[in-house]
Amino acid sequence: MRFSYLEQITKYMEHFTHIVAAYRYDDTGIRLIFDRDNSWNFEMQRGNSTISIGEVANRGKIYQAPFDILLAKRFNRSTLQHVELYNHDKIIRLSVSTSGSYKSETTLLQFEFTGKHTNVIIMDKDEIVLEALRHIDDEVSTRSVRVGQKLGEIPKPLYEPQHYPLEDVRGFLLEEFRSRNYDRLERLKNEKKSLLHKRLATLQKHLDALESESTLMEESQKAQNGGHLVLANLESIKPYEKSVEVSDFDGTMIRLDLPNGCNSASGCAESFFKRSKKAKQKAIGLHQERANLEAKVRHLELFIQTVSEATSPEEIALLFPAKTPKSKLKTSDSIAEFWIEGVKVSLGKSEKGNIELLKNAKAKDIWMHLKDRPSAHVVISTDKQQLPERLLEAAAKLCVDFSVFQKGSYLVDYTPRREVKIQEGANVLYTNFKTISIEK
C-alpha cells in the first residue's frame, strides 16, 4: 500500500477513541472494530497488504494462538490513546490503554506494510515484543522479531515518497473492501467450482458404469425359472448333458443350458437357484449404491450452485473449512462438516447421512430441517441453547442451500435433538420447535 495512502488513513484514524474488538479473521488478516459503522480490516499478506472497511456476516475459524489471545486481552474494549505513522515509514502504530483491577496498562499495536518486513507486532510501552503475527529469528533476518526482546528499527527508505491525495478516505477504504473482496471472490469461485466439477465428473463416471438392476432382476428370474424346470424334469435330465429340451410351464418347448460341474439333476437345480439369489442380491445392492451415488451427485450439484451464489470470500471459506488434526480423523463420506463461529455444523448429504446424524447427535445438539418438505438434516454440535442469531441463520442457510435448487423464501424448523423422534429411516416427528425464515 502506498505511503501517501497510509499517511492519510492514519490521519483519518485519529478521530477514533476506542477499540471495541480486535481479532484475526483469517491467517494474515486483523480486524479492528472501532464502532458499529467501522470494522477495519488490515490484510497483512506479504507483497499484497492493504486496509479496508467492511464486515462479513460470519467467521468460520476462531484463532486461539498466543498472538490471538493477547490481541483480544490487550485491545478488546480498549481506549485508543494515539495513532501515528511511525518513523516516517509504512508503519502504523496504535497506542492503547486498558484498565484492569489494579492498574492501567499501555500496549502498542504496530502494523508494518513494509514488503518483506510486513508484520503485526504487539509490544509494551518500552517496545518489548509481547507477541507477533510472524516471529523472525536472527538467522532469517538482521531484524529479529522475538518475544521478550526489544524491537529493532527498520532502515528508513532512501526515496522521498510522492503524494497521492484521496478525496474521501472512508470512501476509498470502502471501495478497497468491495474491490478486493470481488476479485478474491471470483478467484475462489473459479478455483472451488473447478474442484467440485472434477469430483462430480468422477461420481458421474461411477454412476454411469453401474450395471442395470432390471437386467440383473431378469437374469435372476430366468435362473429361478431354470431351477424350477430342472426340478420338474429330474428323471429325464442327465447331469453330464450341457443342455436339455424341456417343456416350459406355458407348454412351449425350450432348450435349457445346464450349469457346469453338476453331479446330479438336483445339483443343477440348486446351482440355478444360487445364481438367481446372487443376481437378485447384486441388483438390490446396485439399487442402494445407485441411490447413494445419485444423492452424492445431487449434493455436489447443490454445492456448486451454493458456491456460484456466494457473495463473499468468507462464505466460501465457510464451505471449505481448513483441515485440522481433529478434522483429519476418518469421518463419514455421507456427512458434510462446516465450522461457523468456531462451532461445528454437520449436514447429511443423503438419507444415509441424515440417519447417521440423527443416530450420533447428542440430546442438546440443535437439529434443523426445512418445514413440511424433504431436506437435508443439519445438526449444530453444542450444549448451549441460546445461540447467536447469525449462527442459526448461517446453519439454516446451509440447510436450504443443500436441499433445494430454486430461489425463494424458505422456513427452517429447529429444536434440540432430544425433541426429535425417529419414525422410520430419516423420517421424524419433532416438537417444541422454532422457525427461521431464509431467503435463497
Protein backbone atom coordinates (compact mmCIF):
# COMPACT_ATOMS: atom_id res chain seq x y z
CA MET A 1 0.00 0.00 0.00
CA ARG A 2 1.32 3.45 -0.90
CA PHE A 3 2.94 5.57 1.79
CA SER A 4 0.72 8.52 0.85
CA TYR A 5 -2.43 6.45 1.39
CA LEU A 6 -1.20 5.19 4.77
CA GLU A 7 -0.38 8.75 5.79
CA GLN A 8 -3.91 9.95 5.05
CA ILE A 9 -5.53 6.85 6.56
CA THR A 10 -3.55 7.33 9.78
CA LYS A 11 -4.75 10.92 9.96
CA TYR A 12 -8.34 9.73 9.49
CA MET A 13 -7.95 7.17 12.31
CA GLU A 14 -7.10 9.88 14.82
CA HIS A 15 -10.75 10.71 15.47
CA PHE A 16 -11.45 7.23 16.93
CA THR A 17 -11.27 6.99 20.71
CA HIS A 18 -11.91 3.30 21.46
CA ILE A 19 -11.37 -0.18 20.04
CA VAL A 20 -14.42 -2.36 20.70
CA ALA A 21 -12.88 -5.63 19.47
CA ALA A 22 -9.73 -6.93 17.80
CA TYR A 23 -9.30 -10.37 16.26
CA ARG A 24 -7.78 -12.31 13.38
CA TYR A 25 -10.35 -13.12 10.69
CA ASP A 26 -8.01 -15.18 8.51
CA ASP A 27 -4.38 -16.31 8.52
CA THR A 28 -3.00 -12.85 7.67
CA GLY A 29 -5.93 -10.53 8.37
CA ILE A 30 -6.58 -8.49 11.54
CA ARG A 31 -9.92 -6.76 12.15
CA LEU A 32 -10.27 -3.77 14.45
CA ILE A 33 -13.81 -2.68 15.30
CA PHE A 34 -13.94 0.97 16.41
CA ASP A 35 -17.74 1.29 16.44
CA ARG A 36 -20.83 -0.12 14.75
CA ASP A 37 -20.00 1.50 11.41
CA ASN A 38 -16.26 0.99 11.44
CA SER A 39 -14.93 -2.55 11.06
CA TRP A 40 -11.42 -2.06 9.69
CA ASN A 41 -9.54 -4.88 8.02
CA PHE A 42 -5.74 -4.94 8.00
CA GLU A 43 -4.73 -7.52 5.37
CA MET A 44 -1.07 -8.20 6.14
CA GLN A 45 -0.16 -10.56 3.33
CA ARG A 46 3.42 -10.04 2.16
CA GLY A 47 3.51 -8.12 -1.11
CA ASN A 48 -0.25 -7.57 -1.10
CA SER A 49 -1.09 -5.75 2.12
CA THR A 50 -3.91 -3.24 2.40
CA ILE A 51 -6.52 -1.66 4.67
CA SER A 52 -10.26 -1.65 4.05
CA ILE A 53 -13.56 -1.02 5.81
CA GLY A 54 -16.24 -3.70 5.72
CA GLU A 55 -17.64 -6.57 7.75
CA VAL A 56 -18.67 -10.08 6.81
CA ALA A 57 -21.53 -11.97 8.39
CA ASN A 58 -19.68 -14.94 9.87
CA ARG A 59 -16.26 -16.15 10.90
CA GLY A 60 -15.57 -19.74 10.00
CA LYS A 61 -12.42 -20.16 12.12
CA ILE A 62 -11.70 -18.87 15.62
CA TYR A 63 -7.95 -18.38 16.08
CA GLN A 64 -6.54 -19.33 19.50
CA ALA A 65 -2.78 -18.91 19.09
CA PRO A 66 -0.87 -16.92 21.78
CA PHE A 67 -0.91 -13.92 19.41
CA ASP A 68 -4.72 -14.04 19.17
CA ILE A 69 -5.26 -14.47 22.89
CA LEU A 70 -3.04 -11.48 23.68
CA LEU A 71 -4.62 -9.41 20.90
CA ALA A 72 -8.06 -9.90 22.45
CA LYS A 73 -6.81 -9.38 26.00
CA ARG A 74 -4.96 -6.10 25.33
CA PHE A 75 -7.21 -4.49 22.69
CA ASN A 76 -10.82 -5.57 23.25
CA ARG A 77 -12.67 -2.69 24.94
CA SER A 78 -9.51 -0.57 25.00
CA THR A 79 -9.03 3.20 24.87
CA LEU A 80 -7.16 4.48 21.82
CA GLN A 81 -4.61 7.00 23.08
CA HIS A 82 -2.58 7.74 19.98
CA VAL A 83 -2.22 6.81 16.30
CA GLU A 84 0.85 7.67 14.24
CA LEU A 85 2.67 6.86 11.05
CA TYR A 86 5.84 5.66 12.77
CA ASN A 87 9.38 6.56 11.69
CA HIS A 88 8.12 8.27 8.51
CA ASP A 89 7.67 4.79 7.02
CA LYS A 90 4.86 2.45 6.05
CA ILE A 91 4.23 1.60 9.70
CA ILE A 92 1.03 2.43 11.58
CA ARG A 93 1.43 2.35 15.36
CA LEU A 94 -1.53 2.43 17.74
CA SER A 95 -1.11 3.08 21.45
CA VAL A 96 -3.97 1.86 23.67
CA SER A 97 -4.71 1.54 27.34
CA THR A 98 -6.83 -1.00 29.21
CA SER A 99 -7.95 -0.69 32.81
CA GLY A 100 -7.58 -3.80 34.94
CA SER A 101 -8.47 -4.49 38.57
CA TYR A 102 -5.35 -2.77 39.88
CA LYS A 103 -3.77 -0.63 37.18
CA SER A 104 -3.98 0.77 33.70
CA GLU A 105 -1.81 -0.92 31.05
CA THR A 106 -0.42 0.62 27.86
CA THR A 107 0.12 -1.56 24.80
CA LEU A 108 1.41 -0.82 21.29
CA LEU A 109 0.00 -2.43 18.17
CA GLN A 110 2.20 -1.99 15.11
CA PHE A 111 1.13 -2.72 11.52
CA GLU A 112 4.12 -2.88 9.20
CA PHE A 113 3.30 -2.58 5.46
CA THR A 114 6.96 -2.86 4.51
CA GLY A 115 7.33 -5.66 1.97
CA LYS A 116 9.48 -8.43 3.37
CA HIS A 117 9.05 -6.99 6.89
CA THR A 118 5.22 -6.99 6.65
CA ASN A 119 4.02 -7.94 10.11
CA VAL A 120 1.72 -7.19 13.04
CA ILE A 121 3.54 -6.77 16.35
CA ILE A 122 2.22 -6.33 19.89
CA MET A 123 4.61 -4.51 22.26
CA ASP A 124 4.62 -2.98 25.71
CA LYS A 125 5.25 0.74 26.22
CA ASP A 126 9.02 0.10 26.21
CA GLU A 127 8.83 -1.55 22.76
CA ILE A 128 9.50 -5.03 24.11
CA VAL A 129 7.83 -7.59 21.82
CA LEU A 130 4.95 -9.40 23.57
CA GLU A 131 3.69 -11.29 20.51
CA ALA A 132 3.74 -11.07 16.71
CA LEU A 133 1.88 -12.41 13.72
CA ARG A 134 5.24 -13.55 12.35
CA HIS A 135 8.16 -14.45 14.62
CA ILE A 136 11.51 -13.80 12.90
CA ASP A 137 14.80 -15.24 14.18
CA ASP A 138 18.29 -13.75 13.85
CA GLU A 139 19.23 -16.46 11.35
CA VAL A 140 16.46 -15.35 8.99
CA SER A 141 16.84 -11.57 9.12
CA THR A 142 19.10 -8.89 10.53
CA ARG A 143 15.99 -7.55 12.25
CA SER A 144 14.61 -10.23 14.52
CA VAL A 145 11.09 -10.20 15.97
CA ARG A 146 11.19 -12.35 19.10
CA VAL A 147 9.07 -12.34 22.23
CA GLY A 148 10.84 -10.70 25.16
CA GLN A 149 13.28 -8.72 23.00
CA LYS A 150 13.24 -5.03 22.16
CA LEU A 151 12.08 -4.47 18.60
CA GLY A 152 14.75 -3.17 16.27
CA GLU A 153 14.20 -0.39 13.77
CA ILE A 154 13.61 -0.93 10.06
CA PRO A 155 16.06 1.05 7.90
CA LYS A 156 14.38 4.21 6.62
CA PRO A 157 13.50 4.26 2.92
CA LEU A 158 16.02 6.25 0.85
CA TYR A 159 13.45 7.71 -1.56
CA GLU A 160 11.10 10.64 -0.99
CA PRO A 161 7.53 9.30 -1.38
CA GLN A 162 5.14 11.03 -3.78
CA HIS A 163 1.82 12.39 -2.63
CA TYR A 164 -1.43 10.87 -3.93
CA PRO A 165 -4.33 12.79 -2.36
CA LEU A 166 -7.54 10.96 -1.50
CA GLU A 167 -10.76 12.98 -1.83
CA ASP A 168 -12.62 10.68 0.55
CA VAL A 169 -10.56 8.39 2.78
CA ARG A 170 -13.55 6.40 4.03
CA GLY A 171 -14.93 6.02 0.51
CA PHE A 172 -11.52 4.78 -0.64
CA LEU A 173 -11.41 2.16 2.13
CA LEU A 174 -14.98 1.00 1.44
CA GLU A 175 -14.17 0.63 -2.25
CA GLU A 176 -10.95 -1.22 -1.37
CA PHE A 177 -13.05 -3.73 0.59
CA ARG A 178 -15.56 -4.14 -2.26
CA SER A 179 -12.92 -4.42 -4.98
CA ARG A 180 -10.60 -6.75 -3.06
CA ASN A 181 -13.47 -8.97 -1.98
CA TYR A 182 -14.86 -9.15 -5.51
CA ASP A 183 -11.51 -10.16 -7.03
CA ARG A 184 -10.87 -12.69 -4.30
CA LEU A 185 -14.43 -13.99 -4.50
CA GLU A 186 -14.28 -14.60 -8.26
CA ARG A 187 -10.90 -16.31 -7.95
CA LEU A 188 -12.17 -18.56 -5.16
CA LYS A 189 -15.38 -19.35 -7.04
CA ASN A 190 -13.49 -20.50 -10.12
CA GLU A 191 -11.00 -22.49 -8.05
CA LYS A 192 -13.60 -24.26 -5.91
CA LYS A 193 -16.07 -24.90 -8.72
CA SER A 194 -13.30 -26.49 -10.76
CA LEU A 195 -12.54 -28.80 -7.81
CA LEU A 196 -16.21 -29.69 -7.35
CA HIS A 197 -16.76 -30.31 -11.07
CA LYS A 198 -13.88 -32.81 -11.02
CA ARG A 199 -15.48 -34.62 -8.08
CA LEU A 200 -18.84 -34.54 -9.86
CA ALA A 201 -17.34 -35.98 -13.07
CA THR A 202 -15.77 -38.85 -11.08
CA LEU A 203 -19.06 -39.65 -9.35
CA GLN A 204 -20.98 -39.45 -12.62
CA LYS A 205 -18.49 -41.82 -14.24
CA HIS A 206 -19.04 -44.35 -11.44
CA LEU A 207 -22.80 -43.91 -11.72
CA ASP A 208 -22.81 -44.43 -15.49
CA ALA A 209 -20.65 -47.57 -15.13
CA LEU A 210 -23.14 -49.34 -12.84
CA GLU A 211 -24.88 -52.41 -14.25
CA SER A 212 -28.62 -52.33 -14.90
CA GLU A 213 -30.76 -53.51 -11.96
CA SER A 214 -33.55 -54.53 -14.32
CA THR A 215 -31.17 -56.70 -16.36
CA LEU A 216 -29.95 -58.41 -13.20
CA MET A 217 -33.52 -58.99 -11.98
CA GLU A 218 -34.38 -60.54 -15.37
CA GLU A 219 -31.31 -62.73 -15.03
CA SER A 220 -32.41 -63.72 -11.51
CA GLN A 221 -35.91 -64.57 -12.69
CA LYS A 222 -34.58 -66.58 -15.62
CA ALA A 223 -32.22 -68.58 -13.37
CA GLN A 224 -35.02 -69.22 -10.86
CA ASN A 225 -37.28 -70.45 -13.67
CA GLY A 226 -34.46 -72.73 -14.87
CA GLY A 227 -34.17 -74.24 -11.39
CA HIS A 228 -37.89 -74.97 -11.22
CA LEU A 229 -37.80 -76.53 -14.71
CA VAL A 230 -34.95 -78.85 -13.66
CA LEU A 231 -36.89 -79.91 -10.55
CA ALA A 232 -39.92 -80.59 -12.74
CA ASN A 233 -37.85 -82.80 -15.05
CA LEU A 234 -35.47 -84.54 -12.64
CA GLU A 235 -35.93 -88.03 -14.10
CA SER A 236 -35.19 -87.01 -17.71
CA ILE A 237 -32.16 -84.77 -17.09
CA LYS A 238 -28.69 -86.28 -17.11
CA PRO A 239 -26.07 -84.16 -15.23
CA TYR A 240 -23.38 -84.73 -17.87
CA GLU A 241 -25.53 -83.06 -20.52
CA LYS A 242 -24.73 -79.45 -21.45
CA SER A 243 -28.32 -78.65 -22.42
CA VAL A 244 -31.71 -80.30 -22.49
CA GLU A 245 -35.03 -79.90 -24.27
CA VAL A 246 -37.81 -79.35 -21.71
CA SER A 247 -41.37 -78.10 -21.70
CA ASP A 248 -41.72 -74.63 -20.17
CA PHE A 249 -44.56 -74.02 -17.73
CA ASP A 250 -46.67 -72.48 -20.55
CA GLY A 251 -46.29 -75.66 -22.62
CA THR A 252 -43.70 -74.46 -25.14
CA MET A 253 -40.54 -76.48 -25.70
CA ILE A 254 -37.30 -74.64 -24.87
CA ARG A 255 -33.60 -75.55 -24.78
CA LEU A 256 -32.20 -75.12 -21.26
CA ASP A 257 -28.43 -74.70 -20.85
CA LEU A 258 -27.33 -76.55 -17.70
CA PRO A 259 -24.73 -75.12 -15.26
CA ASN A 260 -21.23 -76.59 -15.46
CA GLY A 261 -19.96 -79.01 -12.83
CA CYS A 262 -23.30 -80.51 -11.73
CA ASN A 263 -23.09 -84.05 -10.26
CA SER A 264 -26.84 -84.58 -10.36
CA ALA A 265 -30.01 -83.07 -11.73
CA SER A 266 -30.93 -81.75 -8.27
CA GLY A 267 -27.44 -80.20 -8.10
CA CYS A 268 -28.18 -78.39 -11.36
CA ALA A 269 -31.41 -77.03 -9.85
CA GLU A 270 -29.53 -75.83 -6.74
CA SER A 271 -26.92 -74.13 -8.97
CA PHE A 272 -29.71 -72.31 -10.83
CA PHE A 273 -31.26 -71.11 -7.54
CA LYS A 274 -27.87 -69.90 -6.22
CA ARG A 275 -27.35 -67.99 -9.48
CA SER A 276 -30.82 -66.46 -9.11
CA LYS A 277 -30.21 -65.41 -5.49
CA LYS A 278 -26.80 -63.90 -6.31
CA ALA A 279 -28.19 -61.85 -9.22
CA LYS A 280 -31.09 -60.60 -7.06
CA GLN A 281 -28.80 -59.59 -4.18
CA LYS A 282 -26.49 -57.82 -6.63
CA ALA A 283 -29.48 -55.94 -8.08
CA ILE A 284 -30.57 -54.85 -4.58
CA GLY A 285 -27.02 -53.77 -3.74
CA LEU A 286 -26.78 -51.87 -7.02
CA HIS A 287 -30.05 -50.11 -6.26
CA GLN A 288 -28.67 -48.93 -2.92
CA GLU A 289 -25.34 -47.94 -4.47
CA ARG A 290 -27.12 -46.06 -7.27
CA ALA A 291 -29.32 -44.23 -4.76
CA ASN A 292 -26.24 -43.30 -2.69
CA LEU A 293 -24.32 -42.06 -5.76
CA GLU A 294 -27.32 -40.11 -7.05
CA ALA A 295 -27.66 -38.44 -3.63
CA LYS A 296 -23.96 -37.50 -3.70
CA VAL A 297 -24.29 -36.16 -7.26
CA ARG A 298 -27.24 -34.02 -6.18
CA HIS A 299 -25.29 -32.81 -3.14
CA LEU A 300 -22.38 -31.76 -5.36
CA GLU A 301 -24.71 -30.01 -7.82
CA LEU A 302 -26.23 -28.07 -4.91
CA PHE A 303 -22.69 -27.42 -3.63
CA ILE A 304 -21.65 -25.94 -6.98
CA GLN A 305 -24.76 -23.73 -7.06
CA THR A 306 -24.10 -22.58 -3.48
CA VAL A 307 -20.52 -21.61 -4.38
CA SER A 308 -21.79 -19.79 -7.50
CA GLU A 309 -24.24 -17.76 -5.39
CA ALA A 310 -21.76 -16.87 -2.61
CA THR A 311 -21.46 -13.14 -2.02
CA SER A 312 -18.19 -13.04 -0.07
CA PRO A 313 -14.90 -14.95 0.23
CA GLU A 314 -15.84 -15.75 3.84
CA GLU A 315 -18.96 -17.61 2.68
CA ILE A 316 -16.78 -19.83 0.51
CA ALA A 317 -14.24 -20.28 3.32
CA LEU A 318 -17.11 -21.50 5.50
CA LEU A 319 -17.98 -24.12 2.85
CA PHE A 320 -14.37 -25.36 2.67
CA PRO A 321 -13.07 -25.44 6.26
CA ALA A 322 -9.33 -25.88 6.68
CA LYS A 323 -8.14 -29.31 7.79
CA THR A 324 -7.23 -29.55 11.47
CA PRO A 325 -5.84 -32.55 13.40
CA LYS A 326 -9.39 -33.33 14.56
CA SER A 327 -10.95 -32.97 11.11
CA LYS A 328 -8.30 -35.29 9.60
CA LEU A 329 -9.82 -38.17 11.55
CA LYS A 330 -11.89 -40.58 9.47
CA THR A 331 -15.43 -39.22 9.08
CA SER A 332 -18.45 -40.46 7.16
CA ASP A 333 -18.49 -39.59 3.47
CA SER A 334 -22.27 -39.20 3.82
CA ILE A 335 -21.91 -36.18 6.14
CA ALA A 336 -20.51 -32.72 5.34
CA GLU A 337 -18.94 -30.71 8.18
CA PHE A 338 -18.69 -26.92 8.39
CA TRP A 339 -17.45 -24.51 11.08
CA ILE A 340 -19.35 -21.31 11.91
CA GLU A 341 -18.02 -19.01 14.63
CA GLY A 342 -15.92 -21.96 15.83
CA VAL A 343 -18.99 -24.24 16.16
CA LYS A 344 -19.27 -27.49 14.18
CA VAL A 345 -22.29 -27.75 11.90
CA SER A 346 -22.94 -31.14 10.24
CA LEU A 347 -25.17 -31.81 7.23
CA GLY A 348 -26.46 -35.06 5.76
CA LYS A 349 -25.57 -35.49 2.09
CA SER A 350 -28.09 -38.32 1.65
CA GLU A 351 -30.68 -40.33 3.54
CA LYS A 352 -27.84 -42.45 4.89
CA GLY A 353 -26.10 -39.31 6.15
CA ASN A 354 -29.32 -38.00 7.69
CA ILE A 355 -29.79 -41.28 9.56
CA GLU A 356 -26.18 -41.16 10.84
CA LEU A 357 -26.67 -37.58 12.05
CA LEU A 358 -29.85 -38.49 13.94
CA LYS A 359 -28.16 -41.53 15.47
CA ASN A 360 -24.98 -39.77 16.62
CA ALA A 361 -26.29 -36.33 17.67
CA LYS A 362 -26.36 -35.55 21.39
CA ALA A 363 -29.58 -34.63 23.17
CA LYS A 364 -28.65 -30.93 23.49
CA ASP A 365 -27.43 -30.56 19.89
CA ILE A 366 -29.62 -28.35 17.71
CA TRP A 367 -31.36 -30.16 14.83
CA MET A 368 -32.65 -28.34 11.71
CA HIS A 369 -34.91 -29.28 8.77
CA LEU A 370 -36.95 -27.48 6.12
CA LYS A 371 -40.56 -27.10 7.20
CA ASP A 372 -43.06 -29.51 5.60
CA ARG A 373 -40.80 -30.75 2.81
CA PRO A 374 -37.89 -33.16 2.27
CA SER A 375 -34.48 -31.69 3.03
CA ALA A 376 -31.02 -32.34 4.35
CA HIS A 377 -30.83 -32.70 8.12
CA VAL A 378 -28.49 -30.27 9.89
CA VAL A 379 -27.06 -30.65 13.39
CA ILE A 380 -25.29 -27.90 15.34
CA SER A 381 -22.96 -29.55 17.86
CA THR A 382 -23.38 -27.52 21.03
CA ASP A 383 -24.63 -27.75 24.59
CA LYS A 384 -25.69 -24.09 24.52
CA GLN A 385 -29.39 -23.45 23.96
CA GLN A 386 -29.02 -19.70 23.41
CA LEU A 387 -27.06 -19.49 20.17
CA PRO A 388 -26.26 -16.24 18.33
CA GLU A 389 -28.92 -15.41 15.75
CA ARG A 390 -26.39 -15.14 12.92
CA LEU A 391 -25.03 -18.62 13.68
CA LEU A 392 -28.56 -20.05 13.49
CA GLU A 393 -29.20 -18.15 10.24
CA ALA A 394 -25.94 -19.39 8.69
CA ALA A 395 -26.72 -23.01 9.64
CA ALA A 396 -30.30 -22.66 8.36
CA LYS A 397 -28.96 -21.24 5.09
CA LEU A 398 -26.78 -24.34 4.69
CA CYS A 399 -29.91 -26.46 5.20
CA VAL A 400 -31.69 -24.54 2.42
CA ASP A 401 -28.73 -24.32 0.04
CA PHE A 402 -28.08 -28.08 0.18
CA SER A 403 -31.75 -29.06 -0.11
CA VAL A 404 -33.32 -27.04 -2.96
CA PHE A 405 -32.16 -25.51 -6.23
CA GLN A 406 -34.98 -22.98 -6.63
CA LYS A 407 -34.67 -19.43 -5.32
CA GLY A 408 -37.33 -18.23 -2.90
CA SER A 409 -38.24 -17.85 0.76
CA TYR A 410 -38.00 -21.00 2.90
CA LEU A 411 -38.89 -21.82 6.51
CA VAL A 412 -36.46 -23.88 8.57
CA ASP A 413 -37.56 -25.51 11.84
CA TYR A 414 -35.04 -26.14 14.60
CA THR A 415 -35.15 -27.79 18.01
CA PRO A 416 -32.86 -29.72 20.39
CA ARG A 417 -32.19 -33.27 19.20
CA ARG A 418 -33.99 -34.70 22.24
CA GLU A 419 -37.26 -33.29 20.83
CA VAL A 420 -36.86 -35.32 17.60
CA LYS A 421 -38.43 -38.79 17.43
CA ILE A 422 -37.30 -41.12 14.64
CA GLN A 423 -40.19 -42.86 12.85
CA GLU A 424 -38.55 -44.81 10.03
CA GLY A 425 -35.20 -44.22 8.34
CA ALA A 426 -34.69 -40.43 8.32
CA ASN A 427 -38.43 -39.66 8.79
CA VAL A 428 -39.07 -37.93 12.11
CA LEU A 429 -41.61 -36.19 14.29
CA TYR A 430 -40.49 -33.22 16.38
CA THR A 431 -41.93 -30.87 19.00
CA ASN A 432 -41.12 -27.62 20.83
CA PHE A 433 -39.50 -26.16 17.71
CA LYS A 434 -38.80 -22.65 16.49
CA THR A 435 -38.80 -21.46 12.90
CA ILE A 436 -36.47 -19.19 10.99
CA SER A 437 -37.06 -17.72 7.51
CA ILE A 438 -34.25 -17.87 4.92
CA GLU A 439 -34.08 -16.19 1.51
CA LYS A 440 -32.26 -18.14 -1.21
